[in-house]
Amino acid sequence: FECDNGLCIPYEKVCNLNDDCGDSSDETNCFNNFKCLDSGEYIGVGKKCDGAFDCLDYSDECNTDCDNQVKMFSNSALFNLACAFGTISTLLNLCVIFKGLKKFSSLKSVTAKINELFVLVVSSGDLLQGVFISLVAISDKYLNK
């Protein structure tokens, strides 16, 4: 077999799930393999969409060819609830953070400043969780086909 880069390899090395040419031309038009998107490694076509992650980037399971995709929010009420909790958490924690930052400079004692910093750190974490919940719900509804 002559590779696209001019290298010659034995035919038994063609379509063997290994890039023996160095340019992947020995694996390009094979029906027995799947190429992982990020790493470029090859796996057997039987491992694609089998429910087990064989590619480091999960491209063997998370693609439009697989019909085994699990929707987290298959019920529209759950989707609406997740969006509502995410939005409310984000907005309320933004209010707490802005109020705390405004109040922080006027605090006199070290203890009060430490307490306020603690509230700001917790509110920042809750804010990120609210954003995360919203993004998971939205991506599950619109990106998970």
Protein backbone atom coordinates (compact mmCIF):
# COMPACT_ATOMS: atom_id res chain seq x y z
CA PHE A 1 0.00 0.00 0.00
CA GLU A 2 1.38 3.40 -0.95
CA CYS A 3 0.62 6.12 1.61
CA ASP A 4 -0.27 9.67 0.59
CA ASN A 5 3.13 10.77 1.86
CA GLY A 6 4.93 8.27 -0.45
CA LEU A 7 5.75 5.68 2.23
CA CYS A 8 4.95 2.06 1.36
CA ILE A 9 3.55 -0.35 3.96
CA PRO A 10 2.33 -3.98 3.77
CA TYR A 11 -1.41 -4.39 3.04
CA GLU A 12 -2.00 -6.14 6.37
CA LYS A 13 -1.22 -2.81 8.07
CA VAL A 14 -4.03 -1.03 6.22
CA CYS A 15 -7.22 -0.52 8.27
CA ASN A 16 -5.67 -2.05 11.40
CA LEU A 17 -6.63 0.88 13.68
CA ASN A 18 -3.01 2.15 13.73
CA ASP A 19 -1.62 5.07 11.77
CA ASP A 20 1.22 3.17 10.13
CA CYS A 21 1.78 5.75 7.38
CA GLY A 22 2.19 8.70 9.72
CA ASP A 23 -0.38 10.70 7.74
CA SER A 24 -3.45 8.48 8.49
CA SER A 25 -3.90 7.62 4.81
CA ASP A 26 -3.86 3.88 5.64
CA GLU A 27 -6.88 4.38 7.92
CA THR A 28 -8.83 7.04 6.00
CA ASN A 29 -11.32 5.05 3.91
CA CYS A 30 -11.82 2.10 6.23
CA PHE A 31 -15.22 0.80 7.27
CA ASN A 32 -13.97 -0.98 10.40
CA ASN A 33 -12.82 2.07 12.37
CA PHE A 34 -13.86 5.38 13.86
CA LYS A 35 -11.45 8.30 14.28
CA CYS A 36 -11.72 10.19 17.58
CA LEU A 37 -12.10 13.89 16.91
CA ASP A 38 -9.55 15.51 19.24
CA SER A 39 -6.88 12.86 19.63
CA GLY A 40 -7.07 11.36 16.14
CA GLU A 41 -6.79 7.84 17.57
CA TYR A 42 -8.73 5.03 15.90
CA ILE A 43 -11.14 2.67 17.60
CA GLY A 44 -13.11 -0.22 16.20
CA VAL A 45 -16.42 0.80 14.66
CA GLY A 46 -18.17 -1.59 17.06
CA LYS A 47 -17.06 0.60 19.97
CA LYS A 48 -18.86 3.65 18.56
CA CYS A 49 -22.20 4.39 20.23
CA ASP A 50 -21.89 1.38 22.55
CA GLY A 51 -22.44 3.35 25.75
CA ALA A 52 -18.79 3.24 26.86
CA PHE A 53 -16.42 6.16 26.33
CA ASP A 54 -13.45 4.89 24.32
CA CYS A 55 -12.24 8.25 22.97
CA LEU A 56 -10.74 10.70 25.45
CA ASP A 57 -12.92 13.48 23.99
CA TYR A 58 -16.10 11.29 24.18
CA SER A 59 -16.63 11.76 20.43
CA ASP A 60 -17.46 8.05 20.06
CA GLU A 61 -20.57 8.49 22.21
CA CYS A 62 -21.46 12.18 22.01
CA ASN A 63 -22.25 12.70 18.35
CA THR A 64 -25.31 12.91 16.14
CA ASP A 65 -24.84 9.33 14.88
CA CYS A 66 -25.62 7.87 18.31
CA ASP A 67 -29.28 7.50 19.18
CA ASN A 68 -28.57 6.60 22.81
CA GLN A 69 -28.30 10.21 23.98
CA VAL A 70 -29.89 10.74 27.38
CA LYS A 71 -31.81 13.94 27.90
CA MET A 72 -31.55 15.26 31.44
CA PHE A 73 -34.68 17.36 31.14
CA SER A 74 -37.01 15.27 28.96
CA ASN A 75 -39.97 16.74 30.82
CA SER A 76 -40.63 20.41 29.97
CA ALA A 77 -41.64 21.10 33.59
CA LEU A 78 -38.16 19.99 34.75
CA PHE A 79 -36.55 22.17 32.08
CA ASN A 80 -38.62 25.19 33.16
CA LEU A 81 -37.85 24.52 36.82
CA ALA A 82 -34.09 24.27 36.14
CA CYS A 83 -34.15 27.49 34.12
CA ALA A 84 -36.16 29.27 36.82
CA PHE A 85 -33.85 28.11 39.63
CA GLY A 86 -30.78 28.97 37.61
CA THR A 87 -32.04 32.44 36.71
CA ILE A 88 -33.30 33.27 40.21
CA SER A 89 -30.08 32.01 41.80
CA THR A 90 -27.98 34.05 39.38
CA LEU A 91 -29.95 37.27 39.84
CA LEU A 92 -30.30 37.09 43.63
CA ASN A 93 -26.64 36.27 44.13
CA LEU A 94 -25.63 39.13 41.84
CA CYS A 95 -27.66 41.43 44.10
CA VAL A 96 -25.98 40.01 47.23
CA ILE A 97 -22.52 40.42 45.67
CA PHE A 98 -23.08 44.02 44.55
CA LYS A 99 -24.60 44.98 47.91
CA GLY A 100 -21.74 43.31 49.76
CA LEU A 101 -19.07 45.02 47.66
CA LYS A 102 -20.75 48.37 48.21
CA LYS A 103 -21.00 47.77 51.96
CA PHE A 104 -17.48 46.32 52.35
CA SER A 105 -15.56 49.62 52.29
CA SER A 106 -17.71 51.11 55.06
CA LEU A 107 -17.10 48.24 57.49
CA LYS A 108 -14.84 49.19 60.39
CA SER A 109 -13.90 45.99 62.22
CA VAL A 110 -11.77 43.18 60.85
CA THR A 111 -14.34 40.62 61.98
CA ALA A 112 -17.09 42.35 60.01
CA LYS A 113 -14.88 42.47 56.91
CA ILE A 114 -14.03 38.76 57.24
CA ASN A 115 -17.71 37.89 57.64
CA GLU A 116 -18.59 39.97 54.58
CA LEU A 117 -15.82 38.30 52.57
CA PHE A 118 -17.22 34.94 53.55
CA VAL A 119 -20.69 35.99 52.36
CA LEU A 120 -19.18 37.23 49.07
CA VAL A 121 -17.31 33.97 48.48
CA VAL A 122 -20.41 31.85 49.19
CA SER A 123 -22.55 34.09 46.99
CA SER A 124 -20.01 33.85 44.18
CA GLY A 125 -20.14 30.06 44.37
CA ASP A 126 -23.93 30.10 44.36
CA LEU A 127 -23.89 32.50 41.42
CA LEU A 128 -21.70 30.10 39.44
CA GLN A 129 -24.00 27.21 40.31
CA GLY A 130 -26.99 29.19 39.06
CA VAL A 131 -25.24 29.94 35.78
CA PHE A 132 -24.21 26.28 35.49
CA ILE A 133 -27.76 25.00 36.08
CA SER A 134 -29.09 27.37 33.43
CA LEU A 135 -26.41 26.38 30.91
CA VAL A 136 -26.94 22.66 31.50
CA ALA A 137 -30.69 23.01 31.00
CA ILE A 138 -30.34 25.11 27.87
CA SER A 139 -27.62 22.95 26.31
CA ASP A 140 -29.59 19.78 27.10
CA LYS A 141 -32.69 21.16 25.41
CA TYR A 142 -31.10 22.71 22.33
CA LEU A 143 -27.78 20.92 21.77
CA ASN A 144 -28.54 17.34 22.85
CA LYS A 145 -30.40 15.99 19.83
